[in-house]
Amino acid sequence: MRLLIPFFIVILLYGGQARADCKADCQSEYQSEINSCKALFSDPDDADDLKTCMDDAKKEYDSCLEECETEASSSGVRIRGIEDPYVLKSKGR
């Protein structure tokens, strides 16, 4: 049993790292889109287009985060009734 405890800890930490990577990817993609919006619509006359572009980037970012949470909750680590603490948090427990 003692040998299994480190194994359980590694599994739980790995699951948390996967979610962190997913969120980091979303953040990176969002920053890239914001930078693209600013480059495309740098003229003051393009203010409305810039706002629309940035709003769209934010919607995509939020959707990406939701996908991360969905993946995390659907692939929660369960070992003899023990769930990944990150999954518990996302389920509101």
C-alpha atoms as a PDB file:
ATOM      1  CA  MET A   1       0.000   0.000   0.000  1.00  0.00           C
ATOM      2  CA  ARG A   2       2.860   2.381   0.812  1.00  0.00           C
ATOM      3  CA  LEU A   3       4.167   1.975  -2.691  1.00  0.00           C
ATOM      4  CA  LEU A   4       0.844   3.011  -4.172  1.00  0.00           C
ATOM      5  CA  ILE A   5       0.645   6.373  -2.373  1.00  0.00           C
ATOM      6  CA  PRO A   6       3.331   8.050  -4.544  1.00  0.00           C
ATOM      7  CA  PHE A   7       1.589   6.604  -7.596  1.00  0.00           C
ATOM      8  CA  PHE A   8      -1.715   8.214  -6.577  1.00  0.00           C
ATOM      9  CA  ILE A   9       0.000  11.548  -5.952  1.00  0.00           C
ATOM     10  CA  VAL A  10       1.628  11.486  -9.390  1.00  0.00           C
ATOM     11  CA  ILE A  11      -1.707  10.754 -11.048  1.00  0.00           C
ATOM     12  CA  LEU A  12      -3.430  13.594  -9.204  1.00  0.00           C
ATOM     13  CA  LEU A  13      -0.656  16.062  -9.999  1.00  0.00           C
ATOM     14  CA  TYR A  14      -0.551  15.045 -13.645  1.00  0.00           C
ATOM     15  CA  GLY A  15      -4.273  15.698 -14.042  1.00  0.00           C
ATOM     16  CA  GLY A  16      -3.856  19.189 -12.582  1.00  0.00           C
ATOM     17  CA  GLN A  17      -0.920  19.904 -14.870  1.00  0.00           C
ATOM     18  CA  ALA A  18      -2.924  18.935 -17.961  1.00  0.00           C
ATOM     19  CA  ARG A  19      -5.616  21.461 -17.041  1.00  0.00           C
ATOM     20  CA  ALA A  20      -3.009  24.131 -16.364  1.00  0.00           C
ATOM     21  CA  ASP A  21      -1.479  23.475 -19.788  1.00  0.00           C
ATOM     22  CA  CYS A  22      -4.884  23.753 -21.434  1.00  0.00           C
ATOM     23  CA  LYS A  23      -5.582  27.087 -19.759  1.00  0.00           C
ATOM     24  CA  ALA A  24      -2.097  28.347 -20.629  1.00  0.00           C
ATOM     25  CA  ASP A  25      -2.744  27.437 -24.265  1.00  0.00           C
ATOM     26  CA  CYS A  26      -6.026  29.374 -24.153  1.00  0.00           C
ATOM     27  CA  GLN A  27      -4.262  32.382 -22.665  1.00  0.00           C
ATOM     28  CA  SER A  28      -1.513  32.264 -25.265  1.00  0.00           C
ATOM     29  CA  GLU A  29      -4.005  32.020 -28.110  1.00  0.00           C
ATOM     30  CA  TYR A  30      -6.043  34.889 -26.654  1.00  0.00           C
ATOM     31  CA  GLN A  31      -2.982  37.140 -26.408  1.00  0.00           C
ATOM     32  CA  SER A  32      -2.070  36.316 -29.982  1.00  0.00           C
ATOM     33  CA  GLU A  33      -5.579  37.194 -31.186  1.00  0.00           C
ATOM     34  CA  ILE A  34      -5.570  40.481 -29.242  1.00  0.00           C
ATOM     35  CA  ASN A  35      -2.218  41.407 -30.770  1.00  0.00           C
ATOM     36  CA  SER A  36      -3.576  40.567 -34.232  1.00  0.00           C
ATOM     37  CA  CYS A  37      -6.643  42.737 -33.622  1.00  0.00           C
ATOM     38  CA  LYS A  38      -4.459  45.654 -32.579  1.00  0.00           C
ATOM     39  CA  ALA A  39      -2.250  45.247 -35.639  1.00  0.00           C
ATOM     40  CA  LEU A  40      -5.179  44.955 -38.054  1.00  0.00           C
ATOM     41  CA  PHE A  41      -7.220  47.822 -36.643  1.00  0.00           C
ATOM     42  CA  SER A  42      -4.648  50.373 -35.490  1.00  0.00           C
ATOM     43  CA  ASP A  43      -6.284  53.325 -37.240  1.00  0.00           C
ATOM     44  CA  PRO A  44      -8.571  55.385 -34.949  1.00  0.00           C
ATOM     45  CA  ASP A  45     -11.275  55.117 -37.623  1.00  0.00           C
ATOM     46  CA  ASP A  46     -11.281  51.349 -37.046  1.00  0.00           C
ATOM     47  CA  ALA A  47     -12.291  51.622 -33.375  1.00  0.00           C
ATOM     48  CA  ASP A  48     -15.576  49.753 -33.879  1.00  0.00           C
ATOM     49  CA  ASP A  49     -13.861  46.971 -35.803  1.00  0.00           C
ATOM     50  CA  LEU A  50     -11.159  46.753 -33.126  1.00  0.00           C
ATOM     51  CA  LYS A  51     -13.775  46.402 -30.391  1.00  0.00           C
ATOM     52  CA  THR A  52     -15.616  43.707 -32.366  1.00  0.00           C
ATOM     53  CA  CYS A  53     -12.370  41.833 -33.006  1.00  0.00           C
ATOM     54  CA  MET A  54     -11.388  41.981 -29.321  1.00  0.00           C
ATOM     55  CA  ASP A  55     -14.881  40.924 -28.227  1.00  0.00           C
ATOM     56  CA  ASP A  56     -14.677  37.927 -30.574  1.00  0.00           C
ATOM     57  CA  ALA A  57     -11.248  37.022 -29.181  1.00  0.00           C
ATOM     58  CA  LYS A  58     -12.663  37.175 -25.639  1.00  0.00           C
ATOM     59  CA  LYS A  59     -15.585  34.926 -26.609  1.00  0.00           C
ATOM     60  CA  GLU A  60     -13.168  32.401 -28.110  1.00  0.00           C
ATOM     61  CA  TYR A  61     -11.013  32.576 -24.975  1.00  0.00           C
ATOM     62  CA  ASP A  62     -14.009  31.956 -22.710  1.00  0.00           C
ATOM     63  CA  SER A  63     -15.084  29.055 -24.914  1.00  0.00           C
ATOM     64  CA  CYS A  64     -11.572  27.605 -24.761  1.00  0.00           C
ATOM     65  CA  LEU A  65     -11.599  27.777 -20.947  1.00  0.00           C
ATOM     66  CA  GLU A  66     -14.982  26.068 -20.868  1.00  0.00           C
ATOM     67  CA  GLU A  67     -13.562  23.287 -23.041  1.00  0.00           C
ATOM     68  CA  CYS A  68     -10.676  22.894 -20.583  1.00  0.00           C
ATOM     69  CA  GLU A  69     -13.139  22.553 -17.711  1.00  0.00           C
ATOM     70  CA  THR A  70     -15.300  20.119 -19.670  1.00  0.00           C
ATOM     71  CA  GLU A  71     -12.300  17.956 -20.490  1.00  0.00           C
ATOM     72  CA  ALA A  72     -11.158  18.113 -16.875  1.00  0.00           C
ATOM     73  CA  SER A  73     -14.509  17.094 -15.433  1.00  0.00           C
ATOM     74  CA  SER A  74     -15.084  14.339 -17.983  1.00  0.00           C
ATOM     75  CA  SER A  75     -11.649  12.840 -17.394  1.00  0.00           C
ATOM     76  CA  GLY A  76     -11.495  13.294 -13.630  1.00  0.00           C
ATOM     77  CA  VAL A  77      -9.129  10.948 -11.891  1.00  0.00           C
ATOM     78  CA  ARG A  78     -10.966   8.576  -9.594  1.00  0.00           C
ATOM     79  CA  ILE A  79      -9.151   6.072  -7.443  1.00  0.00           C
ATOM     80  CA  ARG A  80     -11.370   4.143  -5.018  1.00  0.00           C
ATOM     81  CA  GLY A  81     -13.731   7.083  -4.710  1.00  0.00           C
ATOM     82  CA  ILE A  82     -10.986   9.709  -4.550  1.00  0.00           C
ATOM     83  CA  GLU A  83     -11.454  12.399  -7.170  1.00  0.00           C
ATOM     84  CA  ASP A  84      -8.913  14.835  -8.470  1.00  0.00           C
ATOM     85  CA  PRO A  85      -9.295  17.972  -6.256  1.00  0.00           C
ATOM     86  CA  TYR A  86      -9.356  20.203  -9.339  1.00  0.00           C
ATOM     87  CA  VAL A  87     -12.396  18.314 -10.624  1.00  0.00           C
ATOM     88  CA  LEU A  88     -14.125  18.673  -7.268  1.00  0.00           C
ATOM     89  CA  LYS A  89     -13.562  22.419  -7.372  1.00  0.00           C
ATOM     90  CA  SER A  90     -14.977  22.707 -10.894  1.00  0.00           C
ATOM     91  CA  LYS A  91     -18.053  20.717  -9.858  1.00  0.00           C
ATOM     92  CA  GLY A  92     -18.672  23.141  -6.997  1.00  0.00           C
ATOM     93  CA  ARG A  93     -17.937  20.712  -4.164  1.00  0.00           C
END
